[in-house]
Amino acid sequence: MSNEPTRDAADTPAMQRLYDRIWLLAVAAFVFFLVAYVGWGLLDLLSLPVR
C-alpha cells in the first residue's frame, strides 16, 4: 500500500477538468475564432461608407 492520497474528482480543480477534455477545448477554440472572424467581417462591412 502506498501512503500517497488518492485524487478523486472532488479534489481536481474545475479548470483542470476542463483542460483534460481536449475535444471540448478544440470545439471552444473553433467557435471562438469563428465568432471573432465573423464579428470582424461584419464590423468591416458596417464601417464602409454609404453612398
N, C-alpha and C. Protein backbone atom coordinates (compact mmCIF):
# COMPACT_ATOMS: atom_id res chain seq x y z
N MET A 1 0.84 -1.17 0.00
CA MET A 1 0.00 0.00 0.00
C MET A 1 0.89 1.24 0.00
N SER A 2 0.47 2.23 -0.73
CA SER A 2 1.25 3.46 -0.74
C SER A 2 0.62 4.48 0.19
N ASN A 3 1.45 5.39 0.63
CA ASN A 3 0.99 6.42 1.56
C ASN A 3 0.46 7.65 0.84
N GLU A 4 0.51 7.66 -0.48
CA GLU A 4 0.04 8.82 -1.24
C GLU A 4 -1.48 8.85 -1.25
N PRO A 5 -2.04 10.01 -1.00
CA PRO A 5 -3.51 10.10 -1.05
C PRO A 5 -4.00 9.98 -2.48
N THR A 6 -5.15 9.37 -2.64
CA THR A 6 -5.74 9.25 -3.97
C THR A 6 -6.49 10.53 -4.30
N ARG A 7 -6.44 10.90 -5.56
CA ARG A 7 -7.13 12.11 -6.01
C ARG A 7 -8.43 11.71 -6.67
N ASP A 8 -9.53 12.19 -6.19
CA ASP A 8 -10.79 11.94 -6.84
C ASP A 8 -11.26 13.22 -7.54
N ALA A 9 -12.41 13.16 -8.16
CA ALA A 9 -12.90 14.29 -8.95
C ALA A 9 -13.15 15.53 -8.10
N ALA A 10 -13.47 15.34 -6.84
CA ALA A 10 -13.74 16.49 -5.97
C ALA A 10 -12.46 17.27 -5.66
N ASP A 11 -11.30 16.60 -5.70
CA ASP A 11 -10.04 17.29 -5.42
C ASP A 11 -9.48 18.02 -6.63
N THR A 12 -9.90 17.61 -7.82
CA THR A 12 -9.37 18.20 -9.05
C THR A 12 -10.02 19.56 -9.30
N PRO A 13 -9.24 20.60 -9.53
CA PRO A 13 -9.81 21.92 -9.81
C PRO A 13 -10.67 21.90 -11.08
N ALA A 14 -11.63 22.79 -11.14
CA ALA A 14 -12.57 22.82 -12.25
C ALA A 14 -11.86 23.10 -13.58
N MET A 15 -10.91 24.04 -13.59
CA MET A 15 -10.22 24.35 -14.84
C MET A 15 -9.37 23.18 -15.31
N GLN A 16 -8.81 22.40 -14.40
CA GLN A 16 -8.03 21.23 -14.79
C GLN A 16 -8.93 20.19 -15.44
N ARG A 17 -10.12 20.01 -14.89
CA ARG A 17 -11.07 19.07 -15.51
C ARG A 17 -11.46 19.55 -16.90
N LEU A 18 -11.59 20.86 -17.10
CA LEU A 18 -11.90 21.40 -18.42
C LEU A 18 -10.74 21.17 -19.38
N TYR A 19 -9.51 21.41 -18.92
CA TYR A 19 -8.34 21.23 -19.78
C TYR A 19 -8.12 19.78 -20.14
N ASP A 20 -8.62 18.85 -19.34
CA ASP A 20 -8.47 17.43 -19.64
C ASP A 20 -9.39 16.97 -20.76
N ARG A 21 -10.37 17.78 -21.11
CA ARG A 21 -11.30 17.42 -22.19
C ARG A 21 -10.83 18.10 -23.47
N ILE A 22 -9.98 17.42 -24.22
CA ILE A 22 -9.31 18.03 -25.37
C ILE A 22 -10.30 18.36 -26.49
N TRP A 23 -11.30 17.53 -26.71
CA TRP A 23 -12.25 17.81 -27.79
C TRP A 23 -13.15 18.99 -27.45
N LEU A 24 -13.48 19.15 -26.19
CA LEU A 24 -14.26 20.32 -25.78
C LEU A 24 -13.47 21.60 -26.00
N LEU A 25 -12.18 21.55 -25.69
CA LEU A 25 -11.32 22.71 -25.93
C LEU A 25 -11.20 23.01 -27.42
N ALA A 26 -11.11 21.96 -28.24
CA ALA A 26 -11.00 22.17 -29.69
C ALA A 26 -12.26 22.82 -30.24
N VAL A 27 -13.41 22.36 -29.80
CA VAL A 27 -14.67 22.96 -30.25
C VAL A 27 -14.80 24.39 -29.75
N ALA A 28 -14.41 24.65 -28.52
CA ALA A 28 -14.48 26.00 -27.97
C ALA A 28 -13.56 26.95 -28.75
N ALA A 29 -12.37 26.49 -29.11
CA ALA A 29 -11.46 27.32 -29.89
C ALA A 29 -12.03 27.60 -31.27
N PHE A 30 -12.60 26.58 -31.90
CA PHE A 30 -13.20 26.76 -33.22
C PHE A 30 -14.35 27.76 -33.18
N VAL A 31 -15.20 27.64 -32.19
CA VAL A 31 -16.34 28.56 -32.06
C VAL A 31 -15.84 29.98 -31.78
N PHE A 32 -14.84 30.12 -30.93
CA PHE A 32 -14.30 31.44 -30.62
C PHE A 32 -13.76 32.12 -31.87
N PHE A 33 -12.94 31.40 -32.65
CA PHE A 33 -12.36 32.01 -33.84
C PHE A 33 -13.42 32.26 -34.91
N LEU A 34 -14.41 31.39 -35.01
CA LEU A 34 -15.50 31.61 -35.96
C LEU A 34 -16.25 32.89 -35.61
N VAL A 35 -16.60 33.05 -34.35
CA VAL A 35 -17.32 34.26 -33.91
C VAL A 35 -16.44 35.49 -34.07
N ALA A 36 -15.16 35.37 -33.76
CA ALA A 36 -14.27 36.52 -33.86
C ALA A 36 -14.14 36.97 -35.31
N TYR A 37 -13.92 36.05 -36.24
CA TYR A 37 -13.75 36.44 -37.64
C TYR A 37 -15.06 36.91 -38.27
N VAL A 38 -16.18 36.28 -37.92
CA VAL A 38 -17.46 36.75 -38.45
C VAL A 38 -17.77 38.13 -37.89
N GLY A 39 -17.51 38.34 -36.60
CA GLY A 39 -17.73 39.66 -36.00
C GLY A 39 -16.83 40.71 -36.62
N TRP A 40 -15.59 40.36 -36.87
CA TRP A 40 -14.64 41.28 -37.50
C TRP A 40 -15.10 41.61 -38.92
N GLY A 41 -15.55 40.61 -39.64
CA GLY A 41 -16.04 40.84 -41.01
C GLY A 41 -17.28 41.72 -41.03
N LEU A 42 -18.20 41.50 -40.11
CA LEU A 42 -19.39 42.34 -40.04
C LEU A 42 -19.03 43.78 -39.67
N LEU A 43 -18.09 43.92 -38.76
CA LEU A 43 -17.65 45.26 -38.39
C LEU A 43 -17.03 45.97 -39.59
N ASP A 44 -16.23 45.26 -40.37
CA ASP A 44 -15.65 45.85 -41.58
C ASP A 44 -16.74 46.26 -42.58
N LEU A 45 -17.72 45.40 -42.77
CA LEU A 45 -18.80 45.72 -43.70
C LEU A 45 -19.62 46.92 -43.23
N LEU A 46 -19.88 46.98 -41.94
CA LEU A 46 -20.69 48.08 -41.43
C LEU A 46 -19.90 49.40 -41.38
N SER A 47 -18.58 49.34 -41.44
CA SER A 47 -17.80 50.57 -41.39
C SER A 47 -17.53 51.16 -42.77
N LEU A 48 -17.99 50.49 -43.83
CA LEU A 48 -17.80 51.04 -45.17
C LEU A 48 -18.69 52.26 -45.34
N PRO A 49 -18.18 53.27 -46.04
CA PRO A 49 -19.01 54.46 -46.24
C PRO A 49 -20.19 54.15 -47.19
N VAL A 50 -21.30 54.75 -46.88
CA VAL A 50 -22.50 54.56 -47.69
C VAL A 50 -22.60 55.70 -48.68
N ARG A 51 -22.91 55.40 -49.93
CA ARG A 51 -23.00 56.45 -50.96
C ARG A 51 -24.21 57.29 -50.80
